[in-house]
Amino acid sequence: MEIGATVVDSLKLSTGIDMLLFAERDVALKLCRIPKGSVVQASAVTAFGAYREVFYTDDDVVVKPDTEIGLIIKDVLNIRPKKEKTAE
């Protein structure tokens, strides 16, 4: 992922699995302009990576290996804005 040109958000699937969503450059900018609560249809590819998270304490450095799974959004296909409630 390109540092400085990427946005990330989290998502919980109906199966209970937590997943991260990533988008880069133009797709990231487009997603940032979508109103909160909208339904977005997008094409994406799976992403998997391993990394080491580093924590610094007063006495030591703790390294914690971890993994991430997610989706990299490649294109926004459709946007359905959240429906506003109307006064009756």
Protein backbone atom coordinates (compact mmCIF):
# COMPACT_ATOMS: atom_id res chain seq x y z
CA MET A 1 0.00 0.00 0.00
CA GLU A 2 1.25 3.45 -0.83
CA ILE A 3 2.05 5.46 2.31
CA GLY A 4 0.28 8.83 2.33
CA ALA A 5 -2.15 7.94 -0.47
CA THR A 6 -4.17 5.23 1.28
CA VAL A 7 -7.31 5.24 3.41
CA VAL A 8 -8.39 2.36 5.64
CA ASP A 9 -11.57 1.47 7.51
CA SER A 10 -12.84 -1.60 9.33
CA LEU A 11 -15.84 -3.78 8.62
CA LYS A 12 -17.58 -6.65 10.42
CA LEU A 13 -19.04 -9.21 8.02
CA SER A 14 -22.39 -10.88 8.73
CA THR A 15 -20.33 -14.01 9.54
CA GLY A 16 -18.68 -12.15 12.44
CA ILE A 17 -15.27 -11.82 10.76
CA ASP A 18 -13.51 -8.47 11.20
CA MET A 19 -11.88 -7.20 8.03
CA LEU A 20 -10.07 -4.06 6.87
CA LEU A 21 -10.93 -2.14 3.71
CA PHE A 22 -8.15 -0.28 1.91
CA ALA A 23 -8.23 2.15 -1.02
CA GLU A 24 -5.45 4.05 -2.75
CA ARG A 25 -5.08 7.30 -4.69
CA ASP A 26 -8.14 8.27 -6.83
CA VAL A 27 -10.35 5.55 -5.37
CA ALA A 28 -9.47 6.72 -1.84
CA LEU A 29 -10.40 10.31 -2.72
CA LYS A 30 -13.71 9.17 -4.23
CA LEU A 31 -14.58 7.14 -1.12
CA CYS A 32 -13.79 10.07 1.18
CA ARG A 33 -16.43 12.17 -0.60
CA ILE A 34 -19.25 9.61 -0.13
CA PRO A 35 -21.82 10.66 2.51
CA LYS A 36 -21.77 8.63 5.73
CA GLY A 37 -24.38 5.86 5.78
CA SER A 38 -24.36 5.33 2.00
CA VAL A 39 -24.34 1.85 0.50
CA VAL A 40 -21.37 1.32 -1.82
CA GLN A 41 -20.94 -1.40 -4.40
CA ALA A 42 -17.29 -1.84 -5.35
CA SER A 43 -14.85 -4.23 -6.97
CA ALA A 44 -12.01 -5.37 -4.71
CA VAL A 45 -9.18 -7.87 -4.36
CA THR A 46 -8.22 -9.74 -1.23
CA ALA A 47 -5.24 -8.62 0.81
CA PHE A 48 -3.24 -10.53 3.39
CA GLY A 49 -0.12 -9.46 5.19
CA ALA A 50 2.08 -10.17 8.16
CA TYR A 51 3.77 -7.45 10.18
CA ARG A 52 5.45 -6.75 13.51
CA GLU A 53 3.91 -4.22 15.84
CA VAL A 54 6.48 -2.55 18.09
CA PHE A 55 5.69 -1.24 21.58
CA TYR A 56 8.17 0.85 23.54
CA THR A 57 8.14 0.75 27.33
CA ASP A 58 10.40 2.45 29.87
CA ASP A 59 12.48 -0.72 30.21
CA ASP A 60 12.10 -2.69 27.00
CA VAL A 61 10.97 -2.94 23.42
CA VAL A 62 8.17 -5.47 22.82
CA VAL A 63 7.68 -6.86 19.32
CA LYS A 64 4.33 -8.49 18.59
CA PRO A 65 3.93 -10.36 15.28
CA ASP A 66 0.44 -10.11 13.77
CA THR A 67 -1.49 -10.60 10.53
CA GLU A 68 -4.19 -8.65 8.71
CA ILE A 69 -6.80 -9.73 6.21
CA GLY A 70 -8.83 -7.35 4.15
CA LEU A 71 -9.96 -6.06 0.81
CA ILE A 72 -8.31 -3.49 -1.44
CA ILE A 73 -11.05 -1.53 -3.21
CA LYS A 74 -10.09 -1.10 -6.86
CA ASP A 75 -13.18 0.69 -8.23
CA VAL A 76 -16.45 2.16 -6.97
CA LEU A 77 -19.26 0.73 -9.10
CA ASN A 78 -22.37 2.22 -7.49
CA ILE A 79 -23.27 4.55 -4.61
CA ARG A 80 -26.69 4.59 -2.99
CA PRO A 81 -26.96 7.52 -0.53
CA LYS A 82 -28.61 6.94 2.82
CA LYS A 83 -32.34 7.60 2.61
CA GLU A 84 -33.44 10.59 4.65
CA LYS A 85 -36.40 10.14 6.98
CA THR A 86 -39.31 12.32 5.96
CA ALA A 87 -41.61 14.06 8.43
CA GLU A 88 -45.18 12.82 8.31
